[in-house]
C-alpha cells in the first residue's frame, strides 16, 4: 500500500506538477522559444526558425538538402559513410544542380552544406558564402535594380549570425528569415 502511495505521489509530482511548472516558467521567461520560434506573416504561421524548409522557386534562397524532405517525423540523415559510392554520387549530383540552378562557374567552390544533408535533415541554416553564391540568381529572378541588389547584400550581412559564444559552430544564416526579409525589399 505504501508503494502505491509513493507511486501516485511521484506520478503527480514528476508527471504533472513539474512539467506544468517548467512550461509556465518557459511561457513567462521565453514565450517565443517555448512556442516553437514561429515566424508569422499576415497572422499566419509560415514556419519555424528552428526547422528547415524546402525552397525550390528561383526567387528564393535554397536551403541545404534534406534526406527526409524536411519532415519532422522521422527526422534523420542517410548515415552514408565517406567511402560510400551512393554518397559520392549524391554530392556530384547536388553540386551539378546547385551550379546549374545558380548559373555558376563549374570550377567554383561550393560550400559543403549545399552538398551534404544535415544529420537531422532539418537544419534551417546555410553559410553566408552559400547565400552570396545564390544572391545573383535571386536578384535576377526578382528583377532587382542596383539599389535593391545592395539591399540584398546588406540583408545577407545583417542576418548573418556569429558562432555561439564566439567559438561554437560557424557563421550562418537562417534561410526562412532571409527569404522572408527578401520579400520585403522594394
N, C-alpha and C. Protein backbone atom coordinates (compact mmCIF):
# COMPACT_ATOMS: atom_id res chain seq x y z
N UNK A 1 0.81 -1.19 0.00
CA UNK A 1 0.00 0.00 0.00
C UNK A 1 0.87 1.27 0.00
N UNK A 2 1.98 1.25 0.76
CA UNK A 2 2.87 2.40 0.81
C UNK A 2 3.50 2.62 -0.57
N UNK A 3 3.87 1.53 -1.23
CA UNK A 3 4.49 1.68 -2.55
C UNK A 3 3.50 2.30 -3.55
N UNK A 4 2.23 1.99 -3.45
CA UNK A 4 1.22 2.58 -4.32
C UNK A 4 1.08 4.08 -4.05
N UNK A 5 1.11 4.48 -2.77
CA UNK A 5 1.03 5.90 -2.42
C UNK A 5 2.25 6.66 -2.93
N UNK A 6 3.43 6.07 -2.79
CA UNK A 6 4.66 6.69 -3.28
C UNK A 6 4.60 6.82 -4.81
N UNK A 7 4.13 5.75 -5.45
CA UNK A 7 3.99 5.76 -6.91
C UNK A 7 3.05 6.89 -7.36
N UNK A 8 1.90 7.01 -6.74
CA UNK A 8 0.94 8.06 -7.09
C UNK A 8 1.51 9.46 -6.81
N UNK A 9 2.18 9.61 -5.67
CA UNK A 9 2.76 10.91 -5.32
C UNK A 9 3.84 11.31 -6.34
N UNK A 10 4.72 10.38 -6.68
CA UNK A 10 5.77 10.68 -7.65
C UNK A 10 5.19 10.92 -9.05
N UNK A 11 4.14 10.22 -9.39
CA UNK A 11 3.48 10.43 -10.68
C UNK A 11 2.91 11.84 -10.76
N UNK A 12 2.27 12.28 -9.70
CA UNK A 12 1.70 13.63 -9.68
C UNK A 12 2.81 14.68 -9.71
N UNK A 13 3.87 14.46 -8.93
CA UNK A 13 4.96 15.44 -8.86
C UNK A 13 5.74 15.49 -10.18
N UNK A 14 6.21 14.33 -10.64
CA UNK A 14 7.09 14.32 -11.83
C UNK A 14 6.33 14.29 -13.15
N UNK A 15 5.10 13.82 -13.13
CA UNK A 15 4.34 13.71 -14.38
C UNK A 15 3.37 14.84 -14.63
N UNK A 16 3.00 15.58 -13.60
CA UNK A 16 2.03 16.65 -13.78
C UNK A 16 2.57 17.98 -13.25
N UNK A 17 2.92 18.04 -11.98
CA UNK A 17 3.31 19.31 -11.36
C UNK A 17 4.59 19.88 -11.97
N UNK A 18 5.63 19.07 -12.06
CA UNK A 18 6.91 19.56 -12.60
C UNK A 18 6.78 20.02 -14.05
N UNK A 19 6.18 19.23 -14.96
CA UNK A 19 6.02 19.72 -16.34
C UNK A 19 5.20 21.00 -16.43
N UNK A 20 4.14 21.13 -15.64
CA UNK A 20 3.34 22.36 -15.65
C UNK A 20 4.16 23.55 -15.15
N UNK A 21 4.96 23.35 -14.10
CA UNK A 21 5.81 24.41 -13.58
C UNK A 21 6.82 24.87 -14.63
N UNK A 22 7.51 23.92 -15.25
CA UNK A 22 8.53 24.25 -16.26
C UNK A 22 7.89 24.92 -17.47
N UNK A 23 6.73 24.43 -17.90
CA UNK A 23 6.02 25.04 -19.03
C UNK A 23 5.62 26.47 -18.68
N UNK A 24 5.13 26.70 -17.49
CA UNK A 24 4.75 28.04 -17.05
C UNK A 24 5.94 28.98 -17.01
N UNK A 25 7.06 28.53 -16.47
CA UNK A 25 8.27 29.35 -16.41
C UNK A 25 8.74 29.69 -17.83
N UNK A 26 8.73 28.69 -18.71
CA UNK A 26 9.16 28.92 -20.10
C UNK A 26 8.24 29.90 -20.80
N UNK A 27 6.94 29.79 -20.58
CA UNK A 27 5.99 30.70 -21.21
C UNK A 27 6.19 32.14 -20.73
N UNK A 28 6.58 32.31 -19.48
CA UNK A 28 6.81 33.65 -18.94
C UNK A 28 8.18 34.19 -19.36
N UNK A 29 9.21 33.37 -19.24
CA UNK A 29 10.57 33.83 -19.50
C UNK A 29 10.94 33.85 -20.98
N UNK A 30 10.48 32.87 -21.75
CA UNK A 30 10.86 32.74 -23.17
C UNK A 30 9.66 32.35 -24.01
N UNK A 31 8.64 33.19 -24.11
CA UNK A 31 7.40 32.78 -24.79
C UNK A 31 7.59 32.39 -26.26
N UNK A 32 8.41 33.12 -27.00
CA UNK A 32 8.61 32.79 -28.43
C UNK A 32 9.28 31.44 -28.58
N UNK A 33 10.32 31.20 -27.79
CA UNK A 33 11.03 29.93 -27.88
C UNK A 33 10.16 28.77 -27.38
N UNK A 34 9.42 29.01 -26.32
CA UNK A 34 8.56 27.96 -25.76
C UNK A 34 7.47 27.54 -26.74
N UNK A 35 7.09 28.44 -27.63
CA UNK A 35 6.05 28.14 -28.60
C UNK A 35 6.60 27.74 -29.96
N UNK A 36 7.89 27.42 -30.05
CA UNK A 36 8.45 26.88 -31.27
C UNK A 36 9.15 27.87 -32.17
N UNK A 37 9.43 29.07 -31.72
CA UNK A 37 10.11 30.10 -32.52
C UNK A 37 9.44 30.27 -33.88
N UNK A 38 8.13 30.44 -33.87
CA UNK A 38 7.35 30.52 -35.09
C UNK A 38 7.55 31.86 -35.80
N UNK A 39 7.53 31.82 -37.12
CA UNK A 39 7.62 33.02 -37.95
C UNK A 39 6.24 33.26 -38.53
N UNK A 40 5.73 34.48 -38.31
CA UNK A 40 4.37 34.83 -38.74
C UNK A 40 4.42 35.81 -39.90
N UNK A 41 3.46 35.69 -40.81
CA UNK A 41 3.27 36.64 -41.90
C UNK A 41 1.77 36.81 -42.09
N UNK A 42 1.31 38.03 -41.92
CA UNK A 42 -0.12 38.32 -42.05
C UNK A 42 -0.97 37.40 -41.16
N UNK A 43 -0.55 37.27 -39.90
CA UNK A 43 -1.23 36.45 -38.89
C UNK A 43 -1.32 34.97 -39.24
N UNK A 44 -0.41 34.50 -40.09
CA UNK A 44 -0.35 33.08 -40.43
C UNK A 44 1.06 32.58 -40.14
N UNK A 45 1.14 31.37 -39.63
CA UNK A 45 2.44 30.76 -39.39
C UNK A 45 3.01 30.31 -40.73
N UNK A 46 4.22 30.79 -41.05
CA UNK A 46 4.86 30.36 -42.29
C UNK A 46 6.03 29.41 -42.04
N UNK A 47 6.35 29.19 -40.78
CA UNK A 47 7.42 28.26 -40.46
C UNK A 47 7.98 28.52 -39.08
N UNK A 48 9.05 27.80 -38.79
CA UNK A 48 9.76 27.96 -37.53
C UNK A 48 11.21 28.29 -37.83
N UNK A 49 11.80 29.13 -36.99
CA UNK A 49 13.22 29.45 -37.14
C UNK A 49 14.10 28.23 -36.90
N UNK A 50 13.53 27.20 -36.29
CA UNK A 50 14.31 26.04 -35.87
C UNK A 50 14.30 24.89 -36.86
N UNK A 51 13.42 24.95 -37.86
CA UNK A 51 13.25 23.81 -38.78
C UNK A 51 13.39 24.29 -40.22
N UNK A 52 14.27 23.63 -40.96
CA UNK A 52 14.48 23.98 -42.36
C UNK A 52 13.26 23.68 -43.21
N UNK A 53 13.17 24.38 -44.32
CA UNK A 53 12.08 24.18 -45.27
C UNK A 53 12.67 24.11 -46.67
N UNK A 54 11.92 23.52 -47.57
CA UNK A 54 12.36 23.45 -48.95
C UNK A 54 11.88 24.68 -49.71
N UNK A 55 12.81 25.30 -50.44
CA UNK A 55 12.51 26.45 -51.29
C UNK A 55 13.02 26.12 -52.68
N UNK A 56 12.11 25.87 -53.62
CA UNK A 56 12.50 25.49 -54.98
C UNK A 56 12.41 26.63 -55.98
N UNK A 57 11.69 27.68 -55.66
CA UNK A 57 11.48 28.79 -56.57
C UNK A 57 12.78 29.56 -56.78
N UNK A 58 12.97 30.05 -58.00
CA UNK A 58 14.20 30.81 -58.30
C UNK A 58 14.24 32.15 -57.58
N UNK A 59 13.11 32.60 -57.05
CA UNK A 59 13.10 33.89 -56.35
C UNK A 59 13.51 33.76 -54.88
N UNK A 60 13.76 32.52 -54.44
CA UNK A 60 14.15 32.30 -53.04
C UNK A 60 15.51 31.64 -52.93
N UNK A 61 16.16 31.88 -51.80
CA UNK A 61 17.41 31.20 -51.48
C UNK A 61 17.09 29.75 -51.16
N UNK A 62 17.94 28.84 -51.61
CA UNK A 62 17.74 27.42 -51.37
C UNK A 62 18.29 27.03 -50.01
N UNK A 63 17.60 26.09 -49.38
CA UNK A 63 18.07 25.51 -48.12
C UNK A 63 19.06 24.40 -48.42
N UNK A 64 19.68 23.90 -47.40
CA UNK A 64 20.56 22.75 -47.61
C UNK A 64 19.72 21.51 -47.87
N UNK A 65 20.27 20.50 -48.51
CA UNK A 65 19.48 19.30 -48.84
C UNK A 65 18.99 18.58 -47.59
N UNK A 66 17.90 17.86 -47.74
CA UNK A 66 17.34 17.07 -46.65
C UNK A 66 17.02 15.67 -47.15
N UNK A 67 17.50 14.67 -46.45
CA UNK A 67 17.21 13.29 -46.82
C UNK A 67 15.80 12.88 -46.43
N UNK A 68 15.16 13.64 -45.56
CA UNK A 68 13.80 13.31 -45.10
C UNK A 68 12.78 14.30 -45.65
N UNK A 69 13.20 15.10 -46.64
CA UNK A 69 12.31 16.08 -47.28
C UNK A 69 11.71 17.04 -46.25
N UNK A 70 12.52 17.42 -45.26
CA UNK A 70 12.16 18.39 -44.22
C UNK A 70 11.00 17.90 -43.36
N UNK A 71 10.80 16.61 -43.31
CA UNK A 71 9.73 16.01 -42.50
C UNK A 71 10.25 15.82 -41.08
N UNK A 72 9.53 16.34 -40.11
CA UNK A 72 9.99 16.23 -38.72
C UNK A 72 9.74 14.84 -38.13
N UNK A 73 8.91 14.05 -38.76
CA UNK A 73 8.60 12.70 -38.26
C UNK A 73 8.80 11.69 -39.36
N UNK A 74 9.80 10.94 -39.45
CA UNK A 74 11.01 10.95 -38.62
C UNK A 74 12.07 11.83 -39.25
N UNK A 75 12.85 12.49 -38.44
CA UNK A 75 13.97 13.25 -38.96
C UNK A 75 15.18 12.33 -39.03
N UNK A 76 16.15 12.70 -39.81
CA UNK A 76 17.35 11.88 -39.89
C UNK A 76 18.10 12.05 -41.19
N UNK A 77 19.27 11.49 -41.24
CA UNK A 77 20.10 11.54 -42.43
C UNK A 77 20.20 10.16 -43.06
N UNK A 78 21.17 9.99 -43.93
CA UNK A 78 21.33 8.71 -44.62
C UNK A 78 22.25 7.76 -43.89
N UNK A 79 23.15 8.29 -43.09
CA UNK A 79 24.19 7.52 -42.42
C UNK A 79 25.17 6.90 -43.40
N UNK A 80 25.27 7.47 -44.62
CA UNK A 80 26.28 7.02 -45.57
C UNK A 80 27.65 7.43 -45.04
N UNK A 81 28.61 6.52 -45.15
CA UNK A 81 29.97 6.82 -44.75
C UNK A 81 30.72 7.54 -45.86
N UNK A 82 31.89 8.10 -45.55
CA UNK A 82 32.64 8.88 -46.53
C UNK A 82 33.12 8.08 -47.74
N UNK A 83 33.16 6.77 -47.63
CA UNK A 83 33.59 5.96 -48.77
C UNK A 83 32.42 5.35 -49.54
N UNK A 84 31.21 5.68 -49.14
CA UNK A 84 30.02 5.12 -49.79
C UNK A 84 29.84 5.74 -51.18
N UNK A 85 29.68 4.90 -52.19
CA UNK A 85 29.53 5.37 -53.56
C UNK A 85 28.22 6.13 -53.78
N UNK A 86 27.17 5.77 -53.06
CA UNK A 86 25.91 6.50 -53.19
C UNK A 86 26.06 7.94 -52.69
N UNK A 87 26.79 8.13 -51.61
CA UNK A 87 27.04 9.47 -51.10
C UNK A 87 27.85 10.28 -52.10
N UNK A 88 28.88 9.66 -52.66
CA UNK A 88 29.69 10.36 -53.66
C UNK A 88 28.84 10.80 -54.85
N UNK A 89 27.95 9.92 -55.30
CA UNK A 89 27.08 10.25 -56.43
C UNK A 89 26.11 11.37 -56.07
N UNK A 90 25.55 11.31 -54.84
CA UNK A 90 24.65 12.38 -54.38
C UNK A 90 25.35 13.74 -54.37
N UNK A 91 26.58 13.76 -53.89
CA UNK A 91 27.34 15.01 -53.81
C UNK A 91 27.60 15.56 -55.22
N UNK A 92 27.97 14.69 -56.14
CA UNK A 92 28.21 15.11 -57.53
C UNK A 92 26.93 15.69 -58.14
N UNK A 93 25.82 15.00 -57.93
CA UNK A 93 24.53 15.48 -58.46
C UNK A 93 24.12 16.81 -57.83
N UNK A 94 24.27 16.92 -56.52
CA UNK A 94 23.89 18.15 -55.84
C UNK A 94 24.75 19.32 -56.29
N UNK A 95 26.02 19.06 -56.47
CA UNK A 95 26.92 20.13 -56.93
C UNK A 95 26.52 20.59 -58.33
N UNK A 96 26.26 19.64 -59.22
CA UNK A 96 25.85 19.99 -60.58
C UNK A 96 24.55 20.79 -60.58
N UNK A 97 23.59 20.36 -59.78
CA UNK A 97 22.30 21.06 -59.70
C UNK A 97 22.48 22.46 -59.14
N UNK A 98 23.27 22.60 -58.08
CA UNK A 98 23.49 23.91 -57.46
C UNK A 98 24.16 24.86 -58.45
N UNK A 99 25.17 24.37 -59.16
CA UNK A 99 25.88 25.19 -60.13
C UNK A 99 24.94 25.60 -61.27
N UNK A 100 24.16 24.65 -61.79
CA UNK A 100 23.24 24.96 -62.89
C UNK A 100 22.13 25.90 -62.43
N UNK A 101 21.55 25.65 -61.27
CA UNK A 101 20.43 26.45 -60.77
C UNK A 101 20.84 27.89 -60.53
N UNK A 102 22.09 28.07 -60.08
CA UNK A 102 22.59 29.42 -59.77
C UNK A 102 23.46 30.00 -60.87
N UNK A 103 23.60 29.29 -61.99
CA UNK A 103 24.37 29.73 -63.14
C UNK A 103 25.78 30.15 -62.73
N UNK A 104 26.48 29.23 -62.07
CA UNK A 104 27.82 29.49 -61.56
C UNK A 104 28.88 28.79 -62.41
N UNK A 105 30.11 29.21 -62.26
CA UNK A 105 31.24 28.56 -62.91
C UNK A 105 31.42 27.17 -62.29
N UNK A 106 31.63 26.18 -63.13
CA UNK A 106 31.72 24.79 -62.64
C UNK A 106 32.95 24.54 -61.78
N UNK A 107 33.94 25.41 -61.81
CA UNK A 107 35.15 25.23 -61.00
C UNK A 107 35.08 25.96 -59.66
N UNK A 108 33.95 26.58 -59.39
CA UNK A 108 33.78 27.35 -58.17
C UNK A 108 33.62 26.42 -56.96
N UNK A 109 34.16 26.86 -55.82
CA UNK A 109 33.99 26.10 -54.58
C UNK A 109 32.54 26.25 -54.10
N UNK A 110 31.89 25.12 -53.85
CA UNK A 110 30.52 25.13 -53.34
C UNK A 110 30.58 24.73 -51.86
N UNK A 111 29.99 25.52 -50.97
CA UNK A 111 30.02 25.18 -49.54
C UNK A 111 29.42 23.80 -49.27
N UNK A 112 30.02 23.10 -48.34
CA UNK A 112 29.64 21.71 -48.07
C UNK A 112 28.18 21.55 -47.64
N UNK A 113 27.61 22.56 -46.98
CA UNK A 113 26.22 22.39 -46.54
C UNK A 113 25.23 22.37 -47.70
N UNK A 114 25.67 22.79 -48.88
CA UNK A 114 24.79 22.72 -50.05
C UNK A 114 24.95 21.37 -50.76
N UNK A 115 25.91 20.58 -50.33
CA UNK A 115 26.17 19.27 -50.94
C UNK A 115 25.79 18.10 -50.04
N UNK A 116 25.84 18.32 -48.73
CA UNK A 116 25.55 17.26 -47.77
C UNK A 116 24.32 17.62 -46.94
N UNK A 117 23.45 16.64 -46.71
CA UNK A 117 22.30 16.85 -45.84
C UNK A 117 22.77 16.88 -44.40
N UNK A 118 22.06 17.58 -43.55
CA UNK A 118 22.41 17.60 -42.13
C UNK A 118 22.01 16.26 -41.50
N UNK A 119 22.51 16.00 -40.32
CA UNK A 119 22.21 14.74 -39.64
C UNK A 119 20.73 14.58 -39.35
N UNK A 120 20.05 15.68 -39.05
CA UNK A 120 18.62 15.60 -38.76
C UNK A 120 17.78 15.77 -40.02
N UNK A 121 18.36 16.37 -41.05
CA UNK A 121 17.61 16.68 -42.26
C UNK A 121 16.75 17.92 -42.10
N UNK A 122 16.91 18.64 -41.00
CA UNK A 122 16.05 19.78 -40.69
C UNK A 122 16.81 21.08 -40.43
N UNK A 123 18.10 21.11 -40.71
CA UNK A 123 18.91 22.28 -40.40
C UNK A 123 18.40 23.49 -41.18
N UNK A 124 18.05 24.59 -40.48
CA UNK A 124 17.49 25.77 -41.15
C UNK A 124 18.53 26.77 -41.65
N UNK A 125 19.82 26.48 -41.49
CA UNK A 125 20.85 27.46 -41.79
C UNK A 125 21.72 27.07 -42.98
N UNK A 126 22.27 28.09 -43.64
CA UNK A 126 23.33 27.93 -44.62
C UNK A 126 24.42 28.93 -44.27
N UNK A 127 25.57 28.79 -44.89
CA UNK A 127 26.67 29.73 -44.62
C UNK A 127 26.45 31.02 -45.40
N UNK A 128 27.06 32.11 -44.95
CA UNK A 128 26.98 33.35 -45.73
C UNK A 128 27.51 33.15 -47.16
N UNK A 129 28.52 32.33 -47.31
CA UNK A 129 29.09 32.05 -48.64
C UNK A 129 28.02 31.42 -49.55
N UNK A 130 27.26 30.47 -49.02
CA UNK A 130 26.20 29.83 -49.82
C UNK A 130 25.13 30.84 -50.20
N UNK A 131 24.82 31.77 -49.31
CA UNK A 131 23.82 32.81 -49.62
C UNK A 131 24.36 33.76 -50.69
N UNK A 132 25.61 34.13 -50.59
CA UNK A 132 26.21 35.05 -51.57
C UNK A 132 26.22 34.40 -52.96
N UNK A 133 26.51 33.11 -53.01
CA UNK A 133 26.52 32.42 -54.31
C UNK A 133 25.13 32.39 -54.96
N UNK A 134 24.08 32.48 -54.15
CA UNK A 134 22.72 32.44 -54.66
C UNK A 134 22.13 33.83 -54.91
N UNK A 135 22.78 34.85 -54.37
CA UNK A 135 22.22 36.21 -54.41
C UNK A 135 21.98 36.72 -55.83
N UNK A 136 22.89 36.46 -56.75
CA UNK A 136 22.72 36.96 -58.12
C UNK A 136 21.50 36.33 -58.77
N UNK A 137 21.27 35.03 -58.54
CA UNK A 137 20.11 34.36 -59.10
C UNK A 137 18.82 34.96 -58.55
N UNK A 138 18.78 35.14 -57.23
CA UNK A 138 17.58 35.68 -56.58
C UNK A 138 17.31 37.10 -57.09
N UNK A 139 18.34 37.92 -57.17
CA UNK A 139 18.18 39.30 -57.62
C UNK A 139 17.70 39.34 -59.07
N UNK A 140 18.26 38.50 -59.92
CA UNK A 140 17.86 38.46 -61.33
C UNK A 140 16.41 37.99 -61.47
N UNK A 141 16.04 36.96 -60.72
CA UNK A 141 14.68 36.42 -60.79
C UNK A 141 13.65 37.43 -60.31
N UNK A 142 14.04 38.30 -59.40
CA UNK A 142 13.13 39.32 -58.86
C UNK A 142 13.25 40.65 -59.62
N UNK A 143 14.10 40.68 -60.64
CA UNK A 143 14.33 41.91 -61.42
C UNK A 143 14.75 43.08 -60.54
N UNK A 144 15.66 42.81 -59.60
CA UNK A 144 16.15 43.86 -58.72
C UNK A 144 17.01 44.85 -59.48
N UNK A 145 16.88 46.12 -59.13
CA UNK A 145 17.77 47.15 -59.67
C UNK A 145 19.02 47.19 -58.79
N UNK A 146 19.96 48.08 -59.11
CA UNK A 146 21.22 48.12 -58.37
C UNK A 146 21.02 48.46 -56.89
N UNK A 147 20.07 49.35 -56.58
CA UNK A 147 19.78 49.69 -55.19
C UNK A 147 19.22 48.47 -54.44
N UNK A 148 18.34 47.73 -55.07
CA UNK A 148 17.78 46.54 -54.43
C UNK A 148 18.85 45.45 -54.27
N UNK A 149 19.77 45.37 -55.22
CA UNK A 149 20.90 44.43 -55.09
C UNK A 149 21.73 44.76 -53.86
N UNK A 150 21.98 46.04 -53.66
CA UNK A 150 22.73 46.47 -52.47
C UNK A 150 21.97 46.14 -51.19
N UNK A 151 20.65 46.34 -51.22
CA UNK A 151 19.83 45.98 -50.05
C UNK A 151 19.92 44.49 -49.76
N UNK A 152 19.92 43.67 -50.82
CA UNK A 152 20.00 42.22 -50.64
C UNK A 152 21.34 41.83 -50.02
N UNK A 153 22.42 42.40 -50.51
CA UNK A 153 23.74 42.10 -49.94
C UNK A 153 23.84 42.56 -48.49
N UNK A 154 23.26 43.72 -48.20
CA UNK A 154 23.24 44.24 -46.84
C UNK A 154 22.41 43.32 -45.94
N UNK A 155 21.31 42.82 -46.47
CA UNK A 155 20.44 41.91 -45.71
C UNK A 155 21.18 40.63 -45.35
N UNK A 156 21.93 40.08 -46.29
CA UNK A 156 22.71 38.87 -46.02
C UNK A 156 23.68 39.14 -44.87
N UNK A 157 24.33 40.28 -44.91
CA UNK A 157 25.29 40.64 -43.85
C UNK A 157 24.58 40.81 -42.51
N UNK A 158 23.43 41.50 -42.52
CA UNK A 158 22.70 41.76 -41.27
C UNK A 158 22.15 40.47 -40.64
N UNK A 159 21.73 39.53 -41.46
CA UNK A 159 21.13 38.30 -40.94
C UNK A 159 22.15 37.22 -40.61
N UNK A 160 23.42 37.49 -40.90
CA UNK A 160 24.46 36.52 -40.57
C UNK A 160 24.63 36.44 -39.06
N UNK A 161 24.45 35.25 -38.53
CA UNK A 161 24.62 35.00 -37.09
C UNK A 161 26.05 34.55 -36.84
N UNK A 162 26.66 35.06 -35.79
CA UNK A 162 28.02 34.65 -35.46
C UNK A 162 28.00 33.31 -34.74
N UNK A 163 29.17 32.72 -34.59
CA UNK A 163 29.26 31.46 -33.88
C UNK A 163 28.83 31.65 -32.42
N UNK A 164 28.24 30.64 -31.85
CA UNK A 164 27.75 30.71 -30.49
C UNK A 164 28.93 30.85 -29.52
N UNK A 165 28.86 31.80 -28.65
CA UNK A 165 29.90 32.10 -27.67
C UNK A 165 31.25 32.36 -28.34
N UNK A 166 31.22 32.78 -29.58
CA UNK A 166 32.42 33.09 -30.38
C UNK A 166 33.35 31.90 -30.59
N UNK A 167 32.86 30.69 -30.31
CA UNK A 167 33.73 29.53 -30.50
C UNK A 167 33.00 28.27 -30.94
N UNK A 168 31.69 28.24 -30.83
CA UNK A 168 30.94 27.03 -31.19
C UNK A 168 30.23 27.22 -32.52
N UNK A 169 30.56 26.40 -33.48
CA UNK A 169 29.93 26.48 -34.78
C UNK A 169 30.54 27.56 -35.65
N UNK A 170 29.86 27.84 -36.75
CA UNK A 170 30.35 28.81 -37.71
C UNK A 170 29.29 29.87 -37.97
N UNK A 171 29.66 30.90 -38.71
CA UNK A 171 28.67 31.89 -39.11
C UNK A 171 27.60 31.21 -39.94
N UNK A 172 26.35 31.70 -39.81
CA UNK A 172 25.25 31.05 -40.50
C UNK A 172 24.12 32.04 -40.73
N UNK A 173 23.25 31.67 -41.66
CA UNK A 173 22.07 32.48 -41.96
C UNK A 173 20.86 31.57 -41.99
N UNK A 174 19.82 31.98 -41.32
CA UNK A 174 18.57 31.23 -41.34
C UNK A 174 17.88 31.49 -42.68
N UNK A 175 17.66 30.45 -43.47
CA UNK A 175 17.13 30.60 -44.82
C UNK A 175 15.70 31.13 -44.82
N UNK A 176 14.87 30.65 -43.90
CA UNK A 176 13.49 31.13 -43.84
C UNK A 176 13.45 32.63 -43.57
N UNK A 177 14.24 33.09 -42.60
CA UNK A 177 14.26 34.52 -42.29
C UNK A 177 14.83 35.34 -43.46
N UNK A 178 15.85 34.81 -44.12
CA UNK A 178 16.43 35.50 -45.26
C UNK A 178 15.40 35.65 -46.38
N UNK A 179 14.67 34.58 -46.68
CA UNK A 179 13.65 34.65 -47.73
C UNK A 179 12.51 35.58 -47.33
N UNK A 180 12.12 35.52 -46.07
CA UNK A 180 11.05 36.38 -45.56
C UNK A 180 11.43 37.85 -45.72
N UNK A 181 12.65 38.19 -45.32
CA UNK A 181 13.11 39.57 -45.41
C UNK A 181 13.35 40.00 -46.86
N UNK A 182 13.78 39.07 -47.70
CA UNK A 182 14.00 39.38 -49.11
C UNK A 182 12.67 39.77 -49.77
N UNK A 183 11.58 39.15 -49.35
CA UNK A 183 10.26 39.52 -49.87
C UNK A 183 9.94 40.98 -49.59
N UNK A 184 10.55 41.55 -48.55
CA UNK A 184 10.26 42.92 -48.16
C UNK A 184 11.08 43.98 -48.88
N UNK A 185 12.04 43.54 -49.70
CA UNK A 185 12.86 44.52 -50.44
C UNK A 185 12.01 45.13 -51.55
N UNK A 186 11.92 46.46 -51.54
CA UNK A 186 11.12 47.17 -52.56
C UNK A 186 11.99 48.16 -53.29
